[in-house]
Amino acid sequence: LRLMNRQILAIFEEVDVYLSPVMGKLPPEIGFLGPDQEPRELNKRQGQGFPFTP
Protein backbone atom coordinates (compact mmCIF):
# COMPACT_ATOMS: atom_id res chain seq x y z
CA LEU A 1 0.00 0.00 0.00
CA ARG A 2 2.84 2.39 0.80
CA LEU A 3 4.54 1.57 -2.50
CA MET A 4 1.34 2.32 -4.41
CA ASN A 5 0.97 5.57 -2.49
CA ARG A 6 4.50 6.65 -3.47
CA GLN A 7 3.86 5.74 -7.11
CA ILE A 8 0.66 7.79 -7.23
CA LEU A 9 2.31 10.76 -5.54
CA ALA A 10 5.19 10.56 -8.05
CA ILE A 11 2.73 10.93 -10.93
CA PHE A 12 1.28 14.09 -9.41
CA GLU A 13 4.71 15.71 -9.16
CA GLU A 14 4.49 16.19 -12.95
CA VAL A 15 0.73 16.67 -13.32
CA ASP A 16 -1.39 19.59 -12.08
CA VAL A 17 -4.82 18.22 -13.00
CA TYR A 18 -6.12 14.69 -13.50
CA LEU A 19 -9.26 14.37 -15.63
CA SER A 20 -11.29 11.22 -15.31
CA PRO A 21 -14.13 10.29 -17.69
CA VAL A 22 -17.58 10.53 -16.16
CA MET A 23 -19.93 10.37 -19.12
CA GLY A 24 -19.87 7.78 -21.89
CA LYS A 25 -21.51 10.03 -24.46
CA LEU A 26 -22.78 13.58 -24.92
CA PRO A 27 -25.11 14.97 -22.23
CA PRO A 28 -28.67 13.65 -22.60
CA GLU A 29 -31.64 15.80 -23.53
CA ILE A 30 -33.70 17.26 -20.70
CA GLY A 31 -36.13 14.61 -19.48
CA PHE A 32 -34.06 11.65 -20.68
CA LEU A 33 -33.31 10.76 -17.05
CA GLY A 34 -36.56 12.17 -15.69
CA PRO A 35 -38.46 10.80 -12.69
CA ASP A 36 -41.32 9.76 -14.97
CA GLN A 37 -39.24 6.89 -16.45
CA GLU A 38 -39.88 3.30 -15.44
CA PRO A 39 -37.19 2.12 -12.97
CA ARG A 40 -35.67 -0.46 -15.35
CA GLU A 41 -35.59 2.00 -18.24
CA LEU A 42 -34.06 4.70 -16.04
CA ASN A 43 -31.39 2.28 -14.82
CA LYS A 44 -30.58 1.33 -18.43
CA ARG A 45 -30.34 4.97 -19.47
CA GLN A 46 -28.11 5.83 -16.53
CA GLY A 47 -25.82 2.93 -17.45
CA GLN A 48 -25.55 4.22 -21.02
CA GLY A 49 -24.78 7.77 -19.97
CA PHE A 50 -22.49 7.06 -17.03
CA PRO A 51 -20.72 3.74 -17.74
CA PHE A 52 -17.64 4.63 -15.68
CA THR A 53 -19.58 5.17 -12.45
CA PRO A 54 -20.46 2.13 -10.34
PDB file of N, CA and C in Angstrom:
ATOM      1  N   LEU A   1       0.829  -1.193   0.000  1.00  0.00           N
ATOM      2  CA  LEU A   1       0.000   0.000   0.000  1.00  0.00           C
ATOM      3  C   LEU A   1       0.876   1.260   0.000  1.00  0.00           C
ATOM      4  N   ARG A   2       1.931   1.231   0.771  1.00  0.00           N
ATOM      5  CA  ARG A   2       2.839   2.386   0.797  1.00  0.00           C
ATOM      6  C   ARG A   2       3.544   2.578  -0.540  1.00  0.00           C
ATOM      7  N   LEU A   3       3.904   1.477  -1.185  1.00  0.00           N
ATOM      8  CA  LEU A   3       4.541   1.565  -2.500  1.00  0.00           C
ATOM      9  C   LEU A   3       3.580   2.200  -3.501  1.00  0.00           C
ATOM     10  N   MET A   4       2.336   1.755  -3.493  1.00  0.00           N
ATOM     11  CA  MET A   4       1.345   2.317  -4.408  1.00  0.00           C
ATOM     12  C   MET A   4       1.148   3.806  -4.118  1.00  0.00           C
ATOM     13  N   ASN A   5       1.118   4.180  -2.872  1.00  0.00           N
ATOM     14  CA  ASN A   5       0.969   5.574  -2.491  1.00  0.00           C
ATOM     15  C   ASN A   5       2.115   6.414  -3.052  1.00  0.00           C
ATOM     16  N   ARG A   6       3.338   5.932  -2.927  1.00  0.00           N
ATOM     17  CA  ARG A   6       4.500   6.650  -3.466  1.00  0.00           C
ATOM     18  C   ARG A   6       4.421   6.769  -4.986  1.00  0.00           C
ATOM     19  N   GLN A   7       3.970   5.713  -5.654  1.00  0.00           N
ATOM     20  CA  GLN A   7       3.860   5.740  -7.114  1.00  0.00           C
ATOM     21  C   GLN A   7       2.825   6.771  -7.561  1.00  0.00           C
ATOM     22  N   ILE A   8       1.708   6.816  -6.879  1.00  0.00           N
ATOM     23  CA  ILE A   8       0.664   7.788  -7.234  1.00  0.00           C
ATOM     24  C   ILE A   8       1.150   9.207  -6.978  1.00  0.00           C
ATOM     25  N   LEU A   9       1.790   9.432  -5.843  1.00  0.00           N
ATOM     26  CA  LEU A   9       2.315  10.762  -5.541  1.00  0.00           C
ATOM     27  C   LEU A   9       3.377  11.183  -6.550  1.00  0.00           C
ATOM     28  N   ALA A  10       4.166  10.249  -7.041  1.00  0.00           N
ATOM     29  CA  ALA A  10       5.188  10.561  -8.045  1.00  0.00           C
ATOM     30  C   ALA A  10       4.550  11.058  -9.338  1.00  0.00           C
ATOM     31  N   ILE A  11       3.434  10.484  -9.715  1.00  0.00           N
ATOM     32  CA  ILE A  11       2.728  10.929 -10.927  1.00  0.00           C
ATOM     33  C   ILE A  11       2.301  12.382 -10.779  1.00  0.00           C
ATOM     34  N   PHE A  12       1.794  12.743  -9.602  1.00  0.00           N
ATOM     35  CA  PHE A  12       1.281  14.095  -9.407  1.00  0.00           C
ATOM     36  C   PHE A  12       2.375  15.138  -9.197  1.00  0.00           C
ATOM     37  N   GLU A  13       3.630  14.731  -9.172  1.00  0.00           N
ATOM     38  CA  GLU A  13       4.711  15.706  -9.164  1.00  0.00           C
ATOM     39  C   GLU A  13       4.843  16.356 -10.533  1.00  0.00           C
ATOM     40  N   GLU A  14       4.388  15.676 -11.580  1.00  0.00           N
ATOM     41  CA  GLU A  14       4.489  16.186 -12.950  1.00  0.00           C
ATOM     42  C   GLU A  14       3.150  16.655 -13.504  1.00  0.00           C
ATOM     43  N   VAL A  15       2.066  16.381 -12.806  1.00  0.00           N
ATOM     44  CA  VAL A  15       0.725  16.669 -13.317  1.00  0.00           C
ATOM     45  C   VAL A  15       0.009  17.611 -12.359  1.00  0.00           C
ATOM     46  N   ASP A  16      -0.628  18.657 -12.917  1.00  0.00           N
ATOM     47  CA  ASP A  16      -1.386  19.586 -12.082  1.00  0.00           C
ATOM     48  C   ASP A  16      -2.846  19.156 -11.930  1.00  0.00           C
ATOM     49  N   VAL A  17      -3.399  18.591 -13.001  1.00  0.00           N
ATOM     50  CA  VAL A  17      -4.818  18.225 -13.001  1.00  0.00           C
ATOM     51  C   VAL A  17      -4.967  16.835 -13.590  1.00  0.00           C
ATOM     52  N   TYR A  18      -5.821  16.033 -12.989  1.00  0.00           N
ATOM     53  CA  TYR A  18      -6.118  14.692 -13.501  1.00  0.00           C
ATOM     54  C   TYR A  18      -7.587  14.659 -13.880  1.00  0.00           C
ATOM     55  N   LEU A  19      -7.876  14.444 -15.158  1.00  0.00           N
ATOM     56  CA  LEU A  19      -9.257  14.374 -15.630  1.00  0.00           C
ATOM     57  C   LEU A  19      -9.652  12.919 -15.804  1.00  0.00           C
ATOM     58  N   SER A  20     -10.775  12.582 -15.241  1.00  0.00           N
ATOM     59  CA  SER A  20     -11.293  11.221 -15.309  1.00  0.00           C
ATOM     60  C   SER A  20     -12.619  11.243 -16.064  1.00  0.00           C
ATOM     61  N   PRO A  21     -12.858  10.288 -16.962  1.00  0.00           N
ATOM     62  CA  PRO A  21     -14.128  10.294 -17.688  1.00  0.00           C
ATOM     63  C   PRO A  21     -15.294  10.015 -16.744  1.00  0.00           C
ATOM     64  N   VAL A  22     -16.381  10.725 -16.968  1.00  0.00           N
ATOM     65  CA  VAL A  22     -17.579  10.529 -16.159  1.00  0.00           C
ATOM     66  C   VAL A  22     -18.729  10.077 -17.046  1.00  0.00           C
ATOM     67  N   MET A  23     -18.827  10.690 -18.221  1.00  0.00           N
ATOM     68  CA  MET A  23     -19.933  10.368 -19.124  1.00  0.00           C
ATOM     69  C   MET A  23     -19.419   9.569 -20.311  1.00  0.00           C
ATOM     70  N   GLY A  24     -20.233   8.624 -20.769  1.00  0.00           N
ATOM     71  CA  GLY A  24     -19.866   7.784 -21.893  1.00  0.00           C
ATOM     72  C   GLY A  24     -20.258   8.355 -23.238  1.00  0.00           C
ATOM     73  N   LYS A  25     -21.088   9.391 -23.219  1.00  0.00           N
ATOM     74  CA  LYS A  25     -21.514  10.033 -24.457  1.00  0.00           C
ATOM     75  C   LYS A  25     -21.921  11.462 -24.137  1.00  0.00           C
ATOM     76  N   LEU A  26     -22.383  12.186 -25.129  1.00  0.00           N
ATOM     77  CA  LEU A  26     -22.785  13.576 -24.923  1.00  0.00           C
ATOM     78  C   LEU A  26     -23.903  13.668 -23.887  1.00  0.00           C
ATOM     79  N   PRO A  27     -24.050  14.824 -23.228  1.00  0.00           N
ATOM     80  CA  PRO A  27     -25.110  14.966 -22.229  1.00  0.00           C
ATOM     81  C   PRO A  27     -26.486  14.666 -22.835  1.00  0.00           C
ATOM     82  N   PRO A  28     -27.345  13.996 -22.077  1.00  0.00           N
ATOM     83  CA  PRO A  28     -28.668  13.651 -22.597  1.00  0.00           C
ATOM     84  C   PRO A  28     -29.585  14.867 -22.656  1.00  0.00           C
ATOM     85  N   GLU A  29     -30.639  14.740 -23.444  1.00  0.00           N
ATOM     86  CA  GLU A  29     -31.636  15.802 -23.528  1.00  0.00           C
ATOM     87  C   GLU A  29     -32.374  15.899 -22.198  1.00  0.00           C
ATOM     88  N   ILE A  30     -32.924  17.066 -21.931  1.00  0.00           N
ATOM     89  CA  ILE A  30     -33.702  17.258 -20.704  1.00  0.00           C
ATOM     90  C   ILE A  30     -34.869  16.279 -20.707  1.00  0.00           C
ATOM     91  N   GLY A  31     -35.058  15.590 -19.606  1.00  0.00           N
ATOM     92  CA  GLY A  31     -36.134  14.614 -19.477  1.00  0.00           C
ATOM     93  C   GLY A  31     -35.708  13.186 -19.751  1.00  0.00           C
ATOM     94  N   PHE A  32     -34.537  12.999 -20.354  1.00  0.00           N
ATOM     95  CA  PHE A  32     -34.063  11.654 -20.676  1.00  0.00           C
ATOM     96  C   PHE A  32     -33.898  10.814 -19.417  1.00  0.00           C
ATOM     97  N   LEU A  33     -33.477  11.448 -18.338  1.00  0.00           N
ATOM     98  CA  LEU A  33     -33.306  10.760 -17.055  1.00  0.00           C
ATOM     99  C   LEU A  33     -34.351  11.239 -16.042  1.00  0.00           C
ATOM    100  N   GLY A  34     -35.518  11.613 -16.541  1.00  0.00           N
ATOM    101  CA  GLY A  34     -36.561  12.165 -15.688  1.00  0.00           C
ATOM    102  C   GLY A  34     -37.183  11.159 -14.736  1.00  0.00           C
ATOM    103  N   PRO A  35     -37.825  11.666 -13.687  1.00  0.00           N
ATOM    104  CA  PRO A  35     -38.456  10.799 -12.693  1.00  0.00           C
ATOM    105  C   PRO A  35     -39.688  10.066 -13.213  1.00  0.00           C
ATOM    106  N   ASP A  36     -40.151  10.427 -14.403  1.00  0.00           N
ATOM    107  CA  ASP A  36     -41.325   9.759 -14.970  1.00  0.00           C
ATOM    108  C   ASP A  36     -40.967   8.462 -15.699  1.00  0.00           C
ATOM    109  N   GLN A  37     -39.680   8.120 -15.776  1.00  0.00           N
ATOM    110  CA  GLN A  37     -39.245   6.890 -16.447  1.00  0.00           C
ATOM    111  C   GLN A  37     -39.497   5.675 -15.554  1.00  0.00           C
ATOM    112  N   GLU A  38     -39.769   4.552 -16.181  1.00  0.00           N
ATOM    113  CA  GLU A  38     -39.881   3.297 -15.440  1.00  0.00           C
ATOM    114  C   GLU A  38     -38.513   2.976 -14.826  1.00  0.00           C
ATOM    115  N   PRO A  39     -38.477   2.381 -13.635  1.00  0.00           N
ATOM    116  CA  PRO A  39     -37.188   2.122 -12.973  1.00  0.00           C
ATOM    117  C   PRO A  39     -36.183   1.348 -13.824  1.00  0.00           C
ATOM    118  N   ARG A  40     -36.616   0.313 -14.523  1.00  0.00           N
ATOM    119  CA  ARG A  40     -35.667  -0.459 -15.352  1.00  0.00           C
ATOM    120  C   ARG A  40     -35.134   0.374 -16.512  1.00  0.00           C
ATOM    121  N   GLU A  41     -36.010   1.154 -17.122  1.00  0.00           N
ATOM    122  CA  GLU A  41     -35.586   2.002 -18.240  1.00  0.00           C
ATOM    123  C   GLU A  41     -34.627   3.086 -17.742  1.00  0.00           C
ATOM    124  N   LEU A  42     -34.934   3.670 -16.608  1.00  0.00           N
ATOM    125  CA  LEU A  42     -34.065   4.699 -16.038  1.00  0.00           C
ATOM    126  C   LEU A  42     -32.690   4.121 -15.713  1.00  0.00           C
ATOM    127  N   ASN A  43     -32.659   2.934 -15.142  1.00  0.00           N
ATOM    128  CA  ASN A  43     -31.388   2.277 -14.821  1.00  0.00           C
ATOM    129  C   ASN A  43     -30.585   2.018 -16.097  1.00  0.00           C
ATOM    130  N   LYS A  44     -31.252   1.578 -17.148  1.00  0.00           N
ATOM    131  CA  LYS A  44     -30.581   1.327 -18.432  1.00  0.00           C
ATOM    132  C   LYS A  44     -30.005   2.624 -18.996  1.00  0.00           C
ATOM    133  N   ARG A  45     -30.797   3.687 -18.945  1.00  0.00           N
ATOM    134  CA  ARG A  45     -30.343   4.971 -19.474  1.00  0.00           C
ATOM    135  C   ARG A  45     -29.176   5.533 -18.666  1.00  0.00           C
ATOM    136  N   GLN A  46     -29.224   5.360 -17.357  1.00  0.00           N
ATOM    137  CA  GLN A  46     -28.113   5.827 -16.530  1.00  0.00           C
ATOM    138  C   GLN A  46     -26.844   5.047 -16.858  1.00  0.00           C
ATOM    139  N   GLY A  47     -26.972   3.749 -17.094  1.00  0.00           N
ATOM    140  CA  GLY A  47     -25.820   2.926 -17.454  1.00  0.00           C
ATOM    141  C   GLY A  47     -25.205   3.329 -18.781  1.00  0.00           C
ATOM    142  N   GLN A  48     -26.053   3.763 -19.721  1.00  0.00           N
ATOM    143  CA  GLN A  48     -25.550   4.216 -21.018  1.00  0.00           C
ATOM    144  C   GLN A  48     -24.813   5.548 -20.893  1.00  0.00           C
ATOM    145  N   GLY A  49     -25.352   6.429 -20.084  1.00  0.00           N
ATOM    146  CA  GLY A  49     -24.778   7.766 -19.971  1.00  0.00           C
ATOM    147  C   GLY A  49     -23.581   7.855 -19.052  1.00  0.00           C
ATOM    148  N   PHE A  50     -23.545   6.993 -18.034  1.00  0.00           N
ATOM    149  CA  PHE A  50     -22.488   7.062 -17.028  1.00  0.00           C
ATOM    150  C   PHE A  50     -21.857   5.685 -16.817  1.00  0.00           C
ATOM    151  N   PRO A  51     -21.240   5.102 -17.854  1.00  0.00           N
ATOM    152  CA  PRO A  51     -20.720   3.738 -17.743  1.00  0.00           C
ATOM    153  C   PRO A  51     -19.486   3.599 -16.844  1.00  0.00           C
ATOM    154  N   PHE A  52     -18.857   4.709 -16.491  1.00  0.00           N
ATOM    155  CA  PHE A  52     -17.637   4.632 -15.685  1.00  0.00           C
ATOM    156  C   PHE A  52     -17.920   4.762 -14.197  1.00  0.00           C
ATOM    157  N   THR A  53     -19.180   4.991 -13.843  1.00  0.00           N
ATOM    158  CA  THR A  53     -19.575   5.172 -12.448  1.00  0.00           C
ATOM    159  C   THR A  53     -20.271   3.911 -11.959  1.00  0.00           C
ATOM    160  N   PRO A  54     -19.820   3.367 -10.834  1.00  0.00           N
ATOM    161  CA  PRO A  54     -20.462   2.127 -10.344  1.00  0.00           C
ATOM    162  C   PRO A  54     -21.891   2.345  -9.887  1.00  0.00           C
TER     163      PRO A  54
END
